[in-house]
N, C-alpha and C. Protein backbone atom coordinates (compact mmCIF):
# COMPACT_ATOMS: atom_id res chain seq x y z
N MET A 1 34.44 20.20 -38.60
CA MET A 1 33.79 20.97 -39.45
C MET A 1 33.01 21.96 -39.37
N TYR A 2 32.43 23.11 -39.62
CA TYR A 2 31.35 23.93 -39.36
C TYR A 2 31.22 24.64 -40.66
N CYS A 3 29.67 24.74 -40.92
CA CYS A 3 29.36 25.66 -42.06
C CYS A 3 29.89 27.20 -41.69
N ARG A 4 30.35 27.63 -42.80
CA ARG A 4 30.76 29.37 -42.68
C ARG A 4 29.51 30.01 -42.50
N THR A 5 28.53 29.77 -43.05
CA THR A 5 27.47 30.71 -42.83
C THR A 5 26.57 30.49 -41.82
N CYS A 6 26.28 29.27 -41.16
CA CYS A 6 25.27 29.41 -40.39
C CYS A 6 26.03 28.83 -39.03
N GLY A 7 27.12 28.47 -38.58
CA GLY A 7 28.10 27.87 -37.76
C GLY A 7 27.65 26.47 -37.35
N LYS A 8 26.74 25.73 -38.16
CA LYS A 8 26.34 24.01 -37.69
C LYS A 8 27.63 23.57 -38.05
N ALA A 9 27.63 22.16 -37.59
CA ALA A 9 28.42 21.29 -37.70
C ALA A 9 28.18 20.16 -38.87
N ILE A 10 29.20 20.04 -40.26
CA ILE A 10 28.77 19.83 -41.42
C ILE A 10 29.77 18.65 -41.38
N ALA A 11 29.50 17.50 -42.05
CA ALA A 11 30.32 16.47 -42.52
C ALA A 11 31.73 17.10 -43.08
N GLU A 12 32.79 16.27 -43.13
CA GLU A 12 34.19 16.96 -43.01
C GLU A 12 34.49 17.06 -44.74
N ASN A 13 33.50 16.03 -45.63
CA ASN A 13 34.23 16.37 -46.86
C ASN A 13 32.92 17.53 -47.60
N ALA A 14 31.87 18.08 -46.62
CA ALA A 14 30.89 18.85 -47.21
C ALA A 14 31.58 20.51 -47.47
N GLU A 15 31.15 21.01 -48.45
CA GLU A 15 31.40 22.39 -48.67
C GLU A 15 30.58 23.56 -48.09
N ILE A 16 29.54 23.20 -47.82
CA ILE A 16 28.20 24.14 -47.59
C ILE A 16 27.35 23.03 -46.62
N CYS A 17 26.57 23.71 -45.78
CA CYS A 17 25.56 23.26 -44.60
C CYS A 17 24.54 22.89 -45.66
N VAL A 18 23.75 21.75 -45.58
CA VAL A 18 22.62 21.10 -46.27
C VAL A 18 21.45 22.23 -46.12
N ASN A 19 21.18 22.38 -44.89
CA ASN A 19 20.31 23.29 -44.40
C ASN A 19 20.29 24.62 -45.34
N PHE A 20 21.39 25.07 -45.09
CA PHE A 20 21.79 26.71 -46.11
C PHE A 20 21.27 26.33 -47.44
N ALA A 21 22.20 25.25 -47.82
CA ALA A 21 21.87 25.20 -49.30
C ALA A 21 20.49 24.88 -49.63
N SER A 22 19.78 24.42 -49.16
CA SER A 22 18.11 24.16 -49.68
C SER A 22 17.39 24.96 -49.47
N SER A 23 17.71 25.91 -48.66
CA SER A 23 16.90 27.10 -48.34
C SER A 23 17.29 28.48 -48.73
N ASN A 24 18.57 28.52 -49.21
CA ASN A 24 19.00 29.90 -49.64
C ASN A 24 19.77 29.70 -51.13
N LEU A 25 20.37 28.80 -51.89
CA LEU A 25 20.51 28.49 -52.98
C LEU A 25 19.85 27.34 -53.88
N GLN A 26 19.85 27.80 -55.11
CA GLN A 26 19.10 26.96 -56.09
C GLN A 26 20.12 25.77 -56.23
N PHE A 27 19.94 24.51 -55.60
CA PHE A 27 20.86 23.26 -55.72
C PHE A 27 21.33 22.86 -57.36
N ALA A 28 22.55 22.61 -57.15
CA ALA A 28 23.12 22.54 -58.30
C ALA A 28 23.83 21.20 -58.17
N SER A 29 23.55 20.48 -59.32
CA SER A 29 23.99 18.75 -59.57
C SER A 29 25.39 18.99 -60.16
N GLY A 30 26.19 18.13 -59.76
CA GLY A 30 27.52 17.94 -60.68
C GLY A 30 28.49 18.38 -59.45
N ASN A 31 29.69 18.95 -60.54
CA ASN A 31 30.83 19.35 -59.75
C ASN A 31 30.66 20.90 -59.94
N THR A 32 29.98 21.46 -58.85
CA THR A 32 29.69 22.84 -59.15
C THR A 32 30.56 23.65 -58.09
N ASN A 33 31.26 24.83 -58.35
CA ASN A 33 32.12 25.51 -57.46
C ASN A 33 31.17 26.13 -56.18
N LEU A 34 30.59 25.80 -55.56
CA LEU A 34 29.81 26.18 -54.57
C LEU A 34 30.34 27.23 -53.78
N SER A 35 31.69 27.59 -53.55
CA SER A 35 32.22 28.64 -52.66
C SER A 35 31.93 29.57 -53.35
N LEU A 36 32.09 29.68 -55.11
CA LEU A 36 31.85 30.52 -55.72
C LEU A 36 30.26 31.08 -55.74
N LEU A 37 29.42 30.18 -55.93
CA LEU A 37 28.03 30.44 -56.14
C LEU A 37 27.91 31.36 -54.35
N THR A 38 28.23 30.64 -53.50
CA THR A 38 28.15 31.12 -52.07
C THR A 38 28.16 32.44 -52.08
N LYS A 39 29.53 32.77 -52.34
CA LYS A 39 30.34 34.31 -52.17
C LYS A 39 29.71 35.39 -52.80
N GLN A 40 28.78 34.85 -54.06
CA GLN A 40 28.04 35.69 -54.60
C GLN A 40 26.67 35.84 -54.10
N THR A 41 26.14 34.77 -53.45
CA THR A 41 24.78 35.14 -53.36
C THR A 41 24.47 35.67 -51.65
N ILE A 42 25.55 34.90 -51.01
CA ILE A 42 25.23 35.64 -49.58
C ILE A 42 25.98 36.92 -49.17
N THR A 43 26.75 37.22 -49.92
CA THR A 43 27.61 38.24 -49.27
C THR A 43 26.96 39.85 -49.20
N GLU A 44 26.44 40.43 -47.82
CA GLU A 44 25.75 41.60 -47.57
C GLU A 44 26.73 42.14 -46.49
N TYR A 45 27.29 43.06 -46.90
CA TYR A 45 27.98 43.75 -45.97
C TYR A 45 27.03 44.58 -44.58
N ALA A 46 28.13 44.40 -43.41
CA ALA A 46 27.07 45.05 -42.49
C ALA A 46 27.73 46.37 -42.50
N GLY A 47 26.67 47.41 -42.34
CA GLY A 47 26.85 48.85 -42.42
C GLY A 47 27.34 49.43 -40.85
N PHE A 48 27.84 50.82 -41.05
CA PHE A 48 28.62 51.52 -39.94
C PHE A 48 27.50 51.50 -39.07
N TRP A 49 26.00 51.48 -38.92
CA TRP A 49 25.28 51.84 -37.92
C TRP A 49 25.05 50.33 -37.29
N ARG A 50 24.88 49.23 -37.49
CA ARG A 50 24.90 48.01 -37.40
C ARG A 50 26.36 47.88 -36.63
N ARG A 51 27.51 48.21 -37.18
CA ARG A 51 28.85 47.62 -36.47
C ARG A 51 28.98 48.71 -35.09
N LEU A 52 28.38 49.81 -35.34
CA LEU A 52 28.36 50.83 -34.29
C LEU A 52 27.92 50.40 -32.77
N VAL A 53 26.39 49.87 -33.11
CA VAL A 53 25.52 49.46 -32.01
C VAL A 53 26.24 48.11 -31.67
N ALA A 54 26.74 47.18 -32.18
CA ALA A 54 27.81 45.92 -31.92
C ALA A 54 29.04 46.54 -31.26
N PHE A 55 29.71 47.48 -31.30
CA PHE A 55 30.37 47.95 -30.74
C PHE A 55 30.22 48.55 -29.60
N ILE A 56 29.05 49.24 -28.97
CA ILE A 56 28.31 49.79 -28.25
C ILE A 56 28.15 48.73 -27.32
N ILE A 57 27.65 47.24 -27.60
CA ILE A 57 27.38 46.23 -26.98
C ILE A 57 28.35 45.61 -26.33
N ASP A 58 29.53 45.41 -27.12
CA ASP A 58 30.80 44.90 -26.67
C ASP A 58 31.60 45.64 -25.71
N SER A 59 31.43 47.11 -25.77
CA SER A 59 32.12 48.02 -24.94
C SER A 59 31.24 47.85 -23.25
N PHE A 60 29.84 47.92 -23.30
CA PHE A 60 29.36 47.83 -22.03
C PHE A 60 29.62 46.48 -21.62
N LEU A 61 29.83 45.34 -22.59
CA LEU A 61 30.00 44.09 -21.64
C LEU A 61 31.56 43.97 -21.19
N LEU A 62 32.76 44.22 -22.06
CA LEU A 62 33.74 44.39 -21.65
C LEU A 62 33.97 45.33 -20.07
N TYR A 63 33.15 46.54 -20.15
CA TYR A 63 33.40 47.32 -18.96
C TYR A 63 32.72 46.45 -17.51
N ILE A 64 31.78 45.94 -17.96
CA ILE A 64 31.06 44.91 -16.84
C ILE A 64 32.20 44.02 -16.34
N ALA A 65 32.75 43.43 -17.42
CA ALA A 65 33.37 41.95 -17.09
C ALA A 65 35.07 42.61 -16.36
N GLY A 66 35.25 43.65 -17.23
CA GLY A 66 36.50 44.30 -16.37
C GLY A 66 36.32 44.63 -15.06
N SER A 67 35.09 45.24 -14.90
CA SER A 67 34.59 45.64 -13.32
C SER A 67 34.86 44.52 -12.35
N ILE A 68 34.32 43.51 -13.10
CA ILE A 68 34.14 42.42 -12.28
C ILE A 68 35.48 41.82 -11.80
N ILE A 69 36.18 41.75 -13.01
CA ILE A 69 37.78 41.44 -12.85
C ILE A 69 38.64 41.97 -12.20
N PHE A 70 38.39 43.23 -12.35
CA PHE A 70 39.57 44.20 -11.54
C PHE A 70 38.81 44.48 -10.35
N GLY A 71 37.60 43.99 -9.65
CA GLY A 71 37.12 44.36 -8.42
C GLY A 71 36.61 45.21 -8.19
N LYS A 72 36.02 46.30 -8.85
CA LYS A 72 35.26 47.61 -8.59
C LYS A 72 34.43 48.04 -9.87
N PHE A 73 33.09 48.11 -9.64
CA PHE A 73 32.30 48.86 -10.26
C PHE A 73 31.87 50.21 -10.33
N PHE A 74 31.78 50.80 -11.17
CA PHE A 74 31.34 52.26 -11.61
C PHE A 74 32.45 53.33 -10.69
N LEU A 75 33.57 53.54 -11.25
CA LEU A 75 34.65 54.06 -10.90
C LEU A 75 34.66 55.50 -11.21
N PRO A 76 34.30 56.22 -9.91
CA PRO A 76 34.21 57.64 -10.43
C PRO A 76 35.52 58.20 -10.59
N LEU A 77 36.10 59.18 -11.63
CA LEU A 77 37.10 59.76 -12.12
C LEU A 77 38.04 60.24 -10.78
N ILE A 78 37.26 60.66 -9.80
CA ILE A 78 37.85 61.64 -8.80
C ILE A 78 38.49 60.78 -7.98
N PHE A 79 38.27 59.36 -7.46
CA PHE A 79 38.65 58.16 -6.62
C PHE A 79 39.79 57.45 -7.31
N PHE A 80 40.04 57.46 -8.70
CA PHE A 80 41.00 56.48 -9.32
C PHE A 80 42.05 56.48 -8.29
N LYS A 81 42.78 57.20 -7.96
CA LYS A 81 44.45 57.40 -7.47
C LYS A 81 43.77 56.42 -5.61
N LYS A 82 42.50 56.58 -5.32
CA LYS A 82 42.63 56.29 -4.09
C LYS A 82 42.12 54.42 -4.20
N LEU A 83 41.06 54.52 -5.21
CA LEU A 83 40.87 52.69 -5.60
C LEU A 83 41.95 52.15 -6.28
N PHE A 84 42.90 52.47 -6.82
CA PHE A 84 43.74 52.13 -7.53
C PHE A 84 45.13 52.27 -7.20
N PRO A 85 45.47 52.05 -5.77
CA PRO A 85 47.07 52.45 -5.32
C PRO A 85 47.95 51.82 -6.47
N PHE A 86 47.53 50.73 -6.80
CA PHE A 86 49.06 50.05 -8.04
C PHE A 86 49.17 51.15 -9.21
N GLY A 87 48.28 51.97 -9.45
CA GLY A 87 48.50 52.95 -10.30
C GLY A 87 47.46 52.72 -11.45
N LEU A 88 47.11 53.93 -12.40
CA LEU A 88 46.09 53.81 -13.27
C LEU A 88 47.02 53.12 -14.59
N ASN A 89 48.04 53.39 -14.82
CA ASN A 89 48.58 52.79 -15.87
C ASN A 89 48.24 51.14 -15.86
N LYS A 90 48.42 50.32 -14.99
CA LYS A 90 48.14 48.81 -14.94
C LYS A 90 46.74 48.62 -15.09
N PHE A 91 45.73 49.54 -14.63
CA PHE A 91 44.69 49.45 -14.55
C PHE A 91 44.09 49.50 -16.14
N PHE A 92 44.39 50.59 -16.67
CA PHE A 92 44.40 50.91 -18.36
C PHE A 92 44.92 49.69 -19.50
N PHE A 93 46.05 49.50 -18.83
CA PHE A 93 46.75 47.91 -19.39
C PHE A 93 46.12 46.85 -19.57
N SER A 94 45.29 46.46 -18.36
CA SER A 94 44.44 45.60 -18.12
C SER A 94 43.65 45.48 -19.03
N TYR A 95 42.76 46.70 -19.28
CA TYR A 95 41.50 46.61 -19.90
C TYR A 95 41.80 46.68 -21.40
N ILE A 96 43.13 47.34 -21.91
CA ILE A 96 43.65 46.92 -23.30
C ILE A 96 43.83 45.37 -23.54
N VAL A 97 44.59 44.55 -22.70
CA VAL A 97 44.63 43.42 -22.99
C VAL A 97 43.28 42.46 -22.72
N LEU A 98 42.29 42.79 -21.84
CA LEU A 98 41.03 42.15 -21.81
C LEU A 98 40.34 42.52 -23.38
N GLY A 99 40.60 43.63 -23.76
CA GLY A 99 39.66 44.02 -25.26
C GLY A 99 40.45 43.06 -26.39
N TRP A 100 41.57 43.21 -26.21
CA TRP A 100 42.74 42.32 -27.12
C TRP A 100 42.27 40.77 -27.32
N VAL A 101 42.37 40.47 -25.99
CA VAL A 101 41.70 38.80 -26.01
C VAL A 101 40.23 38.69 -26.70
N TYR A 102 39.71 39.42 -26.03
CA TYR A 102 38.21 39.10 -26.28
C TYR A 102 37.95 39.28 -27.77
N TYR A 103 38.05 40.64 -28.44
CA TYR A 103 37.78 40.41 -30.03
C TYR A 103 38.66 39.43 -30.80
N ALA A 104 39.78 39.25 -30.47
CA ALA A 104 40.82 38.31 -31.27
C ALA A 104 40.53 37.04 -30.99
N LEU A 105 39.74 36.46 -29.84
CA LEU A 105 39.34 35.18 -29.69
C LEU A 105 37.97 34.91 -30.21
N MET A 106 37.43 35.88 -30.05
CA MET A 106 36.02 35.81 -30.44
C MET A 106 35.75 35.73 -31.97
N GLU A 107 36.44 36.62 -32.44
CA GLU A 107 36.20 36.98 -34.17
C GLU A 107 36.88 35.88 -34.85
N SER A 108 38.13 35.34 -34.09
CA SER A 108 38.68 33.90 -34.63
C SER A 108 37.95 32.55 -34.43
N SER A 109 37.03 32.80 -33.76
CA SER A 109 36.41 31.53 -33.02
C SER A 109 35.40 31.07 -34.02
N VAL A 110 34.72 29.98 -33.82
CA VAL A 110 34.06 29.25 -34.88
C VAL A 110 32.66 30.18 -35.14
N LYS A 111 32.24 31.07 -34.28
CA LYS A 111 31.12 31.88 -34.31
C LYS A 111 31.51 33.15 -35.18
N GLN A 112 32.75 33.50 -35.01
CA GLN A 112 33.27 34.46 -35.85
C GLN A 112 33.08 35.73 -35.63
N ALA A 113 32.53 36.00 -34.15
CA ALA A 113 31.74 37.05 -34.09
C ALA A 113 31.93 37.52 -32.26
N THR A 114 31.92 38.58 -32.04
CA THR A 114 31.98 39.17 -30.70
C THR A 114 30.50 38.93 -29.88
N LEU A 115 30.17 38.86 -28.83
CA LEU A 115 28.66 38.94 -28.41
C LEU A 115 28.01 40.02 -29.13
N GLY A 116 28.53 41.29 -29.24
CA GLY A 116 27.85 42.38 -29.65
C GLY A 116 27.56 42.20 -31.11
N LYS A 117 28.26 41.72 -32.34
CA LYS A 117 28.23 41.18 -33.59
C LYS A 117 26.93 40.23 -33.41
N MET A 118 27.08 39.41 -32.78
CA MET A 118 26.31 37.70 -32.54
C MET A 118 24.68 38.39 -32.40
N VAL A 119 24.53 39.24 -31.41
CA VAL A 119 23.21 39.97 -31.16
C VAL A 119 22.66 40.62 -32.48
N LEU A 120 23.48 41.08 -33.32
CA LEU A 120 22.99 41.85 -34.56
C LEU A 120 23.05 40.92 -35.61
N GLY A 121 23.53 39.61 -35.65
CA GLY A 121 23.56 38.83 -36.69
C GLY A 121 24.72 39.41 -38.08
N ILE A 122 25.82 39.74 -37.17
CA ILE A 122 27.24 39.77 -38.18
C ILE A 122 27.98 38.84 -37.80
N ILE A 123 28.92 38.91 -38.91
CA ILE A 123 30.54 38.24 -38.45
C ILE A 123 31.64 38.71 -38.87
N VAL A 124 32.78 38.38 -38.79
CA VAL A 124 34.14 38.98 -39.24
C VAL A 124 34.69 37.83 -40.03
N THR A 125 35.06 38.06 -41.44
CA THR A 125 35.47 36.69 -42.65
C THR A 125 36.66 37.62 -43.17
N ASP A 126 37.61 36.72 -43.55
CA ASP A 126 38.61 37.15 -44.59
C ASP A 126 37.76 37.63 -45.94
N LEU A 127 38.40 37.90 -47.00
CA LEU A 127 37.95 38.73 -48.19
C LEU A 127 37.04 37.38 -49.14
N GLU A 128 37.64 36.06 -48.87
CA GLU A 128 36.92 34.90 -49.34
C GLU A 128 35.82 34.44 -48.70
N GLY A 129 35.29 35.07 -47.28
CA GLY A 129 33.99 34.35 -46.57
C GLY A 129 34.46 33.58 -45.63
N LYS A 130 36.12 33.28 -45.18
CA LYS A 130 36.54 32.25 -44.57
C LYS A 130 36.82 32.65 -42.76
N ARG A 131 36.48 32.03 -42.03
CA ARG A 131 37.13 32.37 -40.92
C ARG A 131 38.55 33.16 -40.83
N ILE A 132 38.44 34.06 -39.80
CA ILE A 132 40.09 34.77 -39.75
C ILE A 132 40.59 34.20 -38.82
N SER A 133 42.28 34.17 -38.92
CA SER A 133 42.95 33.55 -37.78
C SER A 133 42.89 34.44 -36.58
N PHE A 134 43.26 33.88 -35.43
CA PHE A 134 43.85 34.58 -34.12
C PHE A 134 44.79 35.91 -34.83
N ALA A 135 45.80 35.33 -35.18
CA ALA A 135 46.84 36.51 -35.49
C ALA A 135 46.37 37.70 -36.35
N ARG A 136 45.38 37.13 -37.39
CA ARG A 136 44.70 38.14 -38.27
C ARG A 136 43.69 38.95 -37.42
N ALA A 137 43.20 38.38 -36.75
CA ALA A 137 42.32 38.91 -35.52
C ALA A 137 42.86 39.97 -34.59
N THR A 138 44.12 39.50 -34.25
CA THR A 138 44.88 40.43 -33.44
C THR A 138 45.43 41.66 -34.33
N GLY A 139 45.75 41.45 -35.20
CA GLY A 139 46.06 42.76 -36.40
C GLY A 139 44.82 43.48 -36.82
N ARG A 140 43.91 42.99 -36.86
CA ARG A 140 42.71 43.75 -37.12
C ARG A 140 42.45 44.57 -35.47
N HIS A 141 42.39 44.03 -34.61
CA HIS A 141 41.99 44.91 -33.53
C HIS A 141 43.14 45.86 -33.20
N PHE A 142 44.74 45.75 -33.03
CA PHE A 142 45.42 46.85 -33.31
C PHE A 142 45.45 47.68 -34.14
N ALA A 143 44.68 47.34 -35.67
CA ALA A 143 44.75 48.24 -36.44
C ALA A 143 43.74 49.49 -36.32
N LYS A 144 42.66 49.04 -35.09
CA LYS A 144 41.79 49.84 -34.74
C LYS A 144 42.24 51.23 -34.19
N ILE A 145 43.45 50.87 -33.71
CA ILE A 145 44.19 52.10 -33.20
C ILE A 145 44.41 53.43 -34.26
N ILE A 146 44.71 52.71 -35.31
CA ILE A 146 45.10 53.59 -36.35
C ILE A 146 43.64 54.22 -37.23
N SER A 147 42.65 53.40 -37.17
CA SER A 147 41.19 54.09 -37.62
C SER A 147 40.80 55.02 -36.56
N GLY A 148 41.46 55.02 -35.47
CA GLY A 148 40.70 56.17 -34.25
C GLY A 148 41.83 57.37 -34.44
N ILE A 149 42.96 57.23 -34.73
CA ILE A 149 43.83 58.19 -34.70
C ILE A 149 43.29 59.68 -35.08
N ILE A 150 42.56 59.79 -36.36
CA ILE A 150 42.17 61.29 -36.74
C ILE A 150 40.81 61.42 -36.51
N LEU A 151 40.22 61.74 -35.74
CA LEU A 151 38.81 61.93 -35.63
C LEU A 151 37.88 60.78 -36.14
N TYR A 152 38.34 59.31 -35.97
CA TYR A 152 37.80 58.06 -36.07
C TYR A 152 37.37 58.31 -37.40
N ILE A 153 38.13 58.60 -38.40
CA ILE A 153 37.77 58.54 -39.75
C ILE A 153 37.74 57.35 -40.60
N GLY A 154 38.76 56.46 -39.74
CA GLY A 154 38.99 54.82 -40.56
C GLY A 154 38.02 54.18 -40.21
N PHE A 155 37.01 54.63 -38.65
CA PHE A 155 36.33 53.95 -38.54
C PHE A 155 34.99 54.30 -39.43
N ILE A 156 34.54 55.62 -39.67
CA ILE A 156 33.57 56.18 -40.07
C ILE A 156 33.89 55.82 -42.01
N MET A 157 34.50 55.25 -42.22
CA MET A 157 35.34 55.12 -43.62
C MET A 157 34.10 53.71 -44.08
N ALA A 158 33.77 52.90 -42.68
CA ALA A 158 32.58 51.79 -43.26
C ALA A 158 31.26 52.08 -43.75
N GLY A 159 31.18 53.27 -43.49
CA GLY A 159 30.02 53.83 -44.14
C GLY A 159 29.78 54.33 -45.53
N PHE A 160 30.97 54.36 -46.08
CA PHE A 160 31.35 55.01 -47.39
C PHE A 160 32.04 54.15 -48.79
N THR A 161 33.00 52.93 -48.29
CA THR A 161 33.42 51.99 -49.06
C THR A 161 32.34 51.32 -49.56
N ASP A 162 33.09 50.51 -50.74
CA ASP A 162 32.07 49.62 -51.41
C ASP A 162 31.60 48.39 -50.68
N LYS A 163 32.89 47.80 -50.02
CA LYS A 163 32.46 46.69 -48.99
C LYS A 163 32.23 47.23 -47.67
N LYS A 164 31.88 48.35 -47.30
CA LYS A 164 31.66 48.92 -46.27
C LYS A 164 32.80 48.20 -45.28
N GLN A 165 34.17 48.53 -45.82
CA GLN A 165 35.12 48.26 -44.73
C GLN A 165 35.51 49.33 -44.06
N ALA A 166 36.05 49.20 -42.89
CA ALA A 166 36.51 50.57 -42.07
C ALA A 166 38.21 50.32 -42.42
N LEU A 167 38.78 51.24 -41.86
CA LEU A 167 40.35 51.41 -42.23
C LEU A 167 41.24 49.70 -41.78
N HIS A 168 40.47 49.63 -40.51
CA HIS A 168 41.32 48.21 -40.00
C HIS A 168 41.05 47.07 -40.82
N ASP A 169 39.63 47.13 -41.42
CA ASP A 169 39.25 46.14 -41.94
C ASP A 169 40.15 45.95 -43.53
N ILE A 170 40.26 47.13 -43.85
CA ILE A 170 41.18 47.12 -45.07
C ILE A 170 42.85 46.49 -44.75
N ILE A 171 43.30 47.13 -43.86
CA ILE A 171 44.45 46.80 -43.21
C ILE A 171 45.07 45.17 -42.84
N ALA A 172 43.59 44.60 -42.51
CA ALA A 172 43.61 43.19 -41.87
C ALA A 172 43.04 42.19 -42.98
N ASP A 173 42.78 42.71 -44.36
CA ASP A 173 42.20 42.01 -45.43
C ASP A 173 40.82 41.36 -44.79
N SER A 174 40.00 41.99 -44.25
CA SER A 174 38.81 41.09 -43.52
C SER A 174 37.50 42.02 -44.33
N LEU A 175 36.27 41.39 -43.75
CA LEU A 175 34.88 41.95 -44.09
C LEU A 175 33.90 41.96 -42.99
N VAL A 176 33.28 42.58 -42.48
CA VAL A 176 32.13 42.41 -41.86
C VAL A 176 31.05 42.18 -42.21
N VAL A 177 30.37 41.00 -42.49
CA VAL A 177 29.11 40.45 -43.07
C VAL A 177 27.87 40.02 -42.74
N LYS A 178 26.79 40.24 -43.22
CA LYS A 178 25.75 39.63 -42.14
C LYS A 178 25.70 38.25 -42.33
N ARG A 179 25.37 37.74 -41.14
CA ARG A 179 25.21 36.03 -41.21
C ARG A 179 23.81 35.78 -41.66
N TYR A 180 23.71 34.70 -42.65
CA TYR A 180 22.56 34.30 -43.27
C TYR A 180 22.44 33.00 -42.22
N LYS A 181 20.95 32.63 -41.80
CA LYS A 181 20.62 31.56 -41.04
C LYS A 181 20.05 30.61 -41.81
């Protein structure tokens, strides 16, 4: 079992990491509902700009990984047909699959974040602060298509909603929050 706030391994019956509790919460004795206290204490939503920078980092990493996996670096548009005799559709489809697997696996993992999000100290959770499932991460990823349909308004929403949720977060019942160490 892992702490939802710092990602460290914790005892099976523990509700929260001891290191986190001692440094960030006033320790309460007895049968206190730590999940409620934790939710109220640690929730700081990740804003639009932090999320945008994480996206840029992830996009760059996916481009590099895709270029290595698919065998070509820095593909100029002029030479697409020459470099890809099997067709552009397969090339772009491969990048779609790579992006889906990357985002869904990373955001549903114990780390709850892609590499870009890890660099910026943000994680993806459900509305209760718990890790999302692979299915929910998949839905969240493909809901980004809806977020981008009309001038990326669905993404821009993250700068204006109370919980800083983009449209795909609202659809997937998820949040992007700052991780506390």
